Protein backbone atom coordinates (compact mmCIF):
# COMPACT_ATOMS: atom_id res chain seq x y z
CA UNK A 1 -25.28 88.34 12.42
CA UNK A 2 -26.69 89.84 9.26
CA UNK A 3 -24.84 88.43 6.23
CA UNK A 4 -24.68 88.47 2.45
CA UNK A 5 -23.53 85.21 0.84
CA UNK A 6 -21.64 84.96 -2.45
CA UNK A 7 -20.95 81.61 -4.12
CA UNK A 8 -21.60 79.26 -7.01
CA UNK A 9 -20.43 75.64 -6.68
CA UNK A 10 -22.27 72.70 -5.14
CA UNK A 11 -19.66 72.14 -2.40
CA UNK A 12 -20.72 75.50 -0.95
CA UNK A 13 -24.29 74.33 -0.22
CA UNK A 14 -23.65 72.62 3.16
CA UNK A 15 -21.65 75.67 4.26
CA UNK A 16 -24.46 78.09 3.38
CA UNK A 17 -27.03 75.73 4.88
CA UNK A 18 -25.35 75.90 8.28
CA UNK A 19 -24.84 79.66 8.08
CA UNK A 20 -28.48 80.23 7.10
CA UNK A 21 -29.56 78.24 10.15
CA UNK A 22 -27.45 80.34 12.50
CA UNK A 23 -27.58 83.86 11.02
CA UNK A 24 -29.80 86.28 9.11
CA UNK A 25 -29.12 86.07 5.36
CA UNK A 26 -30.09 89.33 3.65
CA UNK A 27 -29.20 88.32 0.07
CA UNK A 28 -27.27 85.85 -2.06
CA UNK A 29 -25.06 86.70 -5.04
CA UNK A 30 -24.15 84.00 -7.55
CA UNK A 31 -23.20 83.70 -11.20
CA UNK A 32 -25.78 84.38 -13.88
CA UNK A 33 -27.52 81.37 -15.48
CA UNK A 34 -25.43 80.05 -18.35
CA UNK A 35 -26.44 78.13 -21.49
CA UNK A 36 -25.66 74.41 -21.42
CA UNK A 37 -26.19 71.46 -23.73
CA UNK A 38 -27.03 71.39 -27.41
CA UNK A 39 -30.20 73.40 -26.88
CA UNK A 40 -28.28 76.01 -24.85
CA UNK A 41 -30.80 75.91 -22.02
CA UNK A 42 -30.06 78.45 -19.28
CA UNK A 43 -28.93 76.61 -16.15
CA UNK A 44 -28.86 78.17 -12.69
CA UNK A 45 -25.95 77.56 -10.34
CA UNK A 46 -26.41 75.22 -7.34
CA UNK A 47 -26.27 78.23 -5.01
CA UNK A 48 -28.92 80.05 -7.07
CA UNK A 49 -31.29 77.09 -6.76
CA UNK A 50 -30.52 76.72 -3.03
CA UNK A 51 -31.31 80.40 -2.33
CA UNK A 52 -34.58 80.33 -4.27
CA UNK A 53 -35.69 77.23 -2.38
CA UNK A 54 -35.09 79.10 0.88
CA UNK A 55 -36.83 82.24 -0.31
CA UNK A 56 -33.66 84.34 -0.10
CA UNK A 57 -33.31 87.21 -2.63
CA UNK A 58 -30.83 86.22 -5.39
CA UNK A 59 -28.70 88.55 -7.52
CA UNK A 60 -26.46 87.55 -10.41
CA UNK A 61 -24.33 90.67 -10.78
CA UNK A 62 -22.38 92.76 -8.29
CA UNK A 63 -23.64 95.78 -10.24
CA UNK A 64 -26.74 95.38 -8.07
CA UNK A 65 -24.76 95.41 -4.83
CA UNK A 66 -25.07 99.08 -3.87
CA UNK A 67 -28.84 99.05 -4.36
CA UNK A 68 -29.15 95.88 -2.29
CA UNK A 69 -26.85 97.17 0.45
CA UNK A 70 -28.77 100.46 0.74
CA UNK A 71 -31.72 98.45 2.07
CA UNK A 72 -29.67 96.52 4.64
CA UNK A 73 -28.97 97.94 8.04
CA UNK A 74 -25.94 96.89 10.09
CA UNK A 75 -24.45 94.37 7.66
CA UNK A 76 -21.95 92.31 9.67
CA UNK A 77 -20.09 90.32 7.00
CA UNK A 78 -20.07 89.15 3.39
CA UNK A 79 -19.20 85.46 3.11
CA UNK A 80 -17.58 84.42 -0.18
CA UNK A 81 -16.99 80.82 -1.32
CA UNK A 82 -16.25 79.68 -4.88
CA UNK A 83 -17.69 82.85 -6.38
CA UNK A 84 -15.09 83.65 -9.05
CA UNK A 85 -15.70 87.41 -9.27
CA UNK A 86 -13.24 90.20 -8.52
CA UNK A 87 -14.85 92.33 -5.81
CA UNK A 88 -14.51 96.12 -5.78
CA UNK A 89 -14.08 98.49 -2.84
CA UNK A 90 -17.82 99.13 -2.56
CA UNK A 91 -18.24 95.43 -1.68
CA UNK A 92 -15.01 94.93 0.25
CA UNK A 93 -15.78 97.80 2.64
CA UNK A 94 -19.54 97.36 3.00
CA UNK A 95 -19.69 95.16 6.12
CA UNK A 96 -18.44 95.51 9.69
CA UNK A 97 -16.13 92.47 9.37
CA UNK A 98 -15.51 92.96 5.66
CA UNK A 99 -15.57 90.10 3.15
CA UNK A 100 -14.71 86.66 4.54
CA UNK A 101 -13.55 84.10 1.99
CA UNK A 102 -13.32 80.30 2.21
CA UNK A 103 -10.26 79.28 0.21
CA UNK A 104 -9.51 75.54 -0.24
CA UNK A 105 -5.71 75.49 -0.07
CA UNK A 106 -2.87 76.07 2.36
CA UNK A 107 -2.27 79.71 1.49
CA UNK A 108 -0.19 81.23 0.02
CA UNK A 109 -0.02 78.00 -2.02
CA UNK A 110 -2.54 77.80 -4.85
CA UNK A 111 -4.09 81.23 -4.94
CA UNK A 112 -6.54 81.73 -7.79
CA UNK A 113 -9.55 80.01 -9.34
CA UNK A 114 -8.78 76.26 -9.19
CA UNK A 115 -6.95 75.25 -5.98
CA UNK A 116 -8.71 71.89 -5.54
CA UNK A 117 -8.26 70.74 -9.13
CA UNK A 118 -4.63 71.87 -9.09
CA UNK A 119 -3.85 69.97 -5.88
CA UNK A 120 -5.33 66.75 -7.27
CA UNK A 121 -3.70 67.22 -10.69
CA UNK A 122 -0.29 67.72 -9.06
CA UNK A 123 -0.70 64.59 -6.94
CA UNK A 124 -0.55 66.49 -3.63
CA UNK A 125 -1.14 64.36 -0.57
CA UNK A 126 -2.15 67.32 1.59
CA UNK A 127 -4.11 70.53 1.20
CA UNK A 128 -6.21 72.66 3.52
CA UNK A 129 -9.01 75.14 4.09
CA UNK A 130 -8.39 78.77 5.02
CA UNK A 131 -10.88 81.34 6.30
CA UNK A 132 -9.41 84.63 5.13
CA UNK A 133 -10.16 88.28 4.50
CA UNK A 134 -10.78 89.34 0.92
CA UNK A 135 -8.60 92.17 -0.36
CA UNK A 136 -8.13 93.82 -3.75
CA UNK A 137 -5.28 91.39 -4.58
CA UNK A 138 -6.51 87.87 -5.39
CA UNK A 139 -6.38 85.55 -2.35
CA UNK A 140 -3.69 87.69 -0.72
CA UNK A 141 -5.58 88.72 2.41
CA UNK A 142 -4.79 87.87 6.02
CA UNK A 143 -5.85 84.45 7.29
CA UNK A 144 -8.10 83.94 10.33
CA UNK A 145 -8.15 80.13 10.40
CA UNK A 146 -6.37 77.38 8.46
CA UNK A 147 -6.73 73.62 8.82
CA UNK A 148 -5.03 70.89 6.76
CA UNK A 149 -6.48 67.68 5.36
CA UNK A 150 -5.08 64.62 3.57
CA UNK A 151 -5.75 63.70 -0.07
CA UNK A 152 -5.75 59.97 -0.87
CA UNK A 153 -4.09 58.67 -4.03
CA UNK A 154 -7.47 57.76 -5.55
CA UNK A 155 -9.47 60.75 -4.28
CA UNK A 156 -10.95 62.69 -7.18
CA UNK A 157 -12.00 66.31 -7.44
CA UNK A 158 -15.53 65.57 -6.19
CA UNK A 159 -14.19 63.67 -3.16
CA UNK A 160 -12.00 66.61 -2.16
CA UNK A 161 -14.78 69.15 -2.77
CA UNK A 162 -17.07 67.16 -0.45
CA UNK A 163 -14.41 67.13 2.28
CA UNK A 164 -13.79 70.87 1.82
CA UNK A 165 -17.52 71.54 2.17
CA UNK A 166 -17.69 69.54 5.41
CA UNK A 167 -14.62 71.22 6.91
CA UNK A 168 -15.65 74.71 5.80
CA UNK A 169 -19.06 74.30 7.40
CA UNK A 170 -17.60 73.78 10.86
CA UNK A 171 -14.82 76.33 10.44
CA UNK A 172 -17.06 79.16 9.27
CA UNK A 173 -19.60 78.43 12.00
CA UNK A 174 -16.85 78.64 14.63
CA UNK A 175 -15.45 81.85 13.18
CA UNK A 176 -18.75 83.71 12.90
CA UNK A 177 -19.73 82.67 16.43
CA UNK A 178 -16.69 84.45 17.89
CA UNK A 179 -14.54 86.27 15.29
CA UNK A 180 -12.58 88.01 18.05
CA UNK A 181 -10.97 84.64 18.90
CA UNK A 182 -9.32 84.43 15.49
CA UNK A 183 -6.93 87.34 14.88
CA UNK A 184 -5.91 87.97 11.27
CA UNK A 185 -2.42 86.75 10.39
CA UNK A 186 -0.45 87.61 7.24
CA UNK A 187 0.28 84.83 4.80
CA UNK A 188 3.84 83.53 5.08
CA UNK A 189 5.85 82.16 2.15
CA UNK A 190 6.10 82.53 -1.61
CA UNK A 191 2.70 82.49 -3.36
CA UNK A 192 1.89 80.04 -6.13
CA UNK A 193 -1.05 80.52 -8.47
CA UNK A 194 -3.66 78.41 -10.23
CA UNK A 195 -5.53 78.90 -13.49
CA UNK A 196 -8.82 77.90 -15.02
CA UNK A 197 -8.78 74.62 -16.94
CA UNK A 198 -10.28 74.01 -20.39
CA UNK A 199 -11.27 71.01 -22.44
CA UNK A 200 -7.80 70.97 -24.01
CA UNK A 201 -6.32 70.18 -20.59
CA UNK A 202 -8.30 66.91 -20.53
CA UNK A 203 -6.49 65.41 -23.53
CA UNK A 204 -4.34 62.48 -22.41
CA UNK A 205 -0.71 62.31 -23.47
CA UNK A 206 -0.05 58.57 -23.34
CA UNK A 207 3.70 59.15 -23.25
CA UNK A 208 3.34 60.47 -19.69
CA UNK A 209 3.73 58.23 -16.65
CA UNK A 210 0.77 56.19 -15.32
CA UNK A 211 0.73 58.36 -12.19
CA UNK A 212 0.48 61.60 -14.17
CA UNK A 213 -2.39 60.23 -16.27
CA UNK A 214 -4.15 58.93 -13.14
CA UNK A 215 -3.90 62.35 -11.52
CA UNK A 216 -5.31 64.00 -14.65
CA UNK A 217 -8.30 61.66 -14.69
CA UNK A 218 -9.15 62.14 -11.03
CA UNK A 219 -8.72 65.92 -11.28
CA UNK A 220 -10.70 66.77 -14.44
CA UNK A 221 -11.20 63.52 -16.37
CA UNK A 222 -9.17 62.48 -19.40
CA UNK A 223 -10.13 62.47 -23.08
CA UNK A 224 -8.57 60.26 -25.72
CA UNK A 225 -9.17 58.42 -28.97
CA UNK A 226 -9.74 54.67 -28.62
CA UNK A 227 -10.15 52.73 -31.85
CA UNK A 228 -10.85 56.04 -33.55
CA UNK A 229 -13.72 57.12 -31.26
CA UNK A 230 -13.74 59.90 -28.67
CA UNK A 231 -13.77 58.48 -25.15
CA UNK A 232 -13.75 60.22 -21.78
CA UNK A 233 -11.92 58.24 -19.10
CA UNK A 234 -13.69 58.87 -15.81
CA UNK A 235 -11.94 56.64 -13.30
CA UNK A 236 -8.57 54.93 -13.04
CA UNK A 237 -6.29 53.49 -10.39
CA UNK A 238 -2.64 52.51 -10.11
CA UNK A 239 -1.89 48.81 -9.68
CA UNK A 240 1.73 47.59 -9.56
CA UNK A 241 2.85 50.87 -11.13
CA UNK A 242 0.48 50.35 -14.06
CA UNK A 243 -2.56 52.39 -14.99
CA UNK A 244 -5.83 50.46 -14.67
CA UNK A 245 -8.88 51.99 -16.33
CA UNK A 246 -12.12 51.54 -14.36
CA UNK A 247 -14.90 53.58 -16.03
CA UNK A 248 -15.27 55.33 -19.38
CA UNK A 249 -17.85 57.26 -21.36
CA UNK A 250 -17.66 56.87 -25.14
CA UNK A 251 -19.03 59.84 -27.10
CA UNK A 252 -22.81 59.59 -27.46
CA UNK A 253 -23.08 56.63 -25.08
CA UNK A 254 -23.66 56.06 -21.39
CA UNK A 255 -20.95 55.66 -18.78
CA UNK A 256 -19.79 52.04 -18.62
CA UNK A 257 -17.17 49.84 -16.94
CA UNK A 258 -13.94 49.56 -18.88
CA UNK A 259 -14.36 45.78 -19.16
CA UNK A 260 -17.71 46.22 -20.93
CA UNK A 261 -16.20 48.74 -23.30
CA UNK A 262 -13.32 46.39 -24.15
CA UNK A 263 -15.70 43.48 -24.73
CA UNK A 264 -17.62 45.65 -27.18
CA UNK A 265 -14.36 46.27 -29.07
CA UNK A 266 -13.61 42.54 -29.18
CA UNK A 267 -10.51 42.99 -27.06
CA UNK A 268 -8.42 45.01 -29.54
CA UNK A 269 -7.63 48.47 -28.20
CA UNK A 270 -5.73 51.26 -29.92
CA UNK A 271 -5.12 54.44 -27.91
CA UNK A 272 -4.63 57.94 -29.26
CA UNK A 273 -2.45 58.61 -32.28
CA UNK A 274 -1.47 55.08 -33.20
CA UNK A 275 -0.36 54.14 -29.69
CA UNK A 276 -1.18 50.49 -29.07
CA UNK A 277 -1.58 49.02 -25.62
CA UNK A 278 -2.68 45.53 -24.71
CA UNK A 279 -5.83 44.99 -22.71
CA UNK A 280 -4.64 44.03 -19.21
CA UNK A 281 -7.84 42.42 -17.97
């Protein structure tokens, strides 16, 4: 098949790798390079770098789509995965099979931009991957394939993304090899929606339960004040219904084990706005 690929995140790379080995990739669309760090250096997306390494033409705006498509004959499908752009009719109707999206949830649950983060944040023990058709309404299209997977209580966002990438690779390969075997089925049930998360969402409310804080950390990381300094909590676990901190990153310092951080504070730890908790080493 002749395909156009659209995506951004790193979990998409193994999916696109398999597809590129089995089909003809005419072009890749991804997000434009964005400024990062103090020096605001422009950083390309993982998909952008992947496409350049393979010598595939890369475009960073769907405004270029019509010009690109005019030079492609018999486009079979547009594969979309973690792209984050609303597609217009000129894209949706350009290929024989239309736009095929990989959505990492059990639709219609968790439509929108952050289904993996939301599942982990909510403490879900199960999610899934759907191969679906893109329509004008966000994540509302018919589903061709859907397979569930389990989420462990200590799995973080990166763990789930890796699993989604592995599952999506096999599922998309199967679908594109014989799309006639997978008839489109309408989504059944009441939709729920996700949103984009910001730095404010990372702030830990220490009045919440250990489980809620643990889920926050494994979903997006948690930020707090400890002894007056800004600290990002990167890894926790639940032991005997208590929160155990594993790894942290103090502002301006390298990631370190919690025990090393506590030793550097001489054992006295004050969390957040005057909330004191004893070191449970």
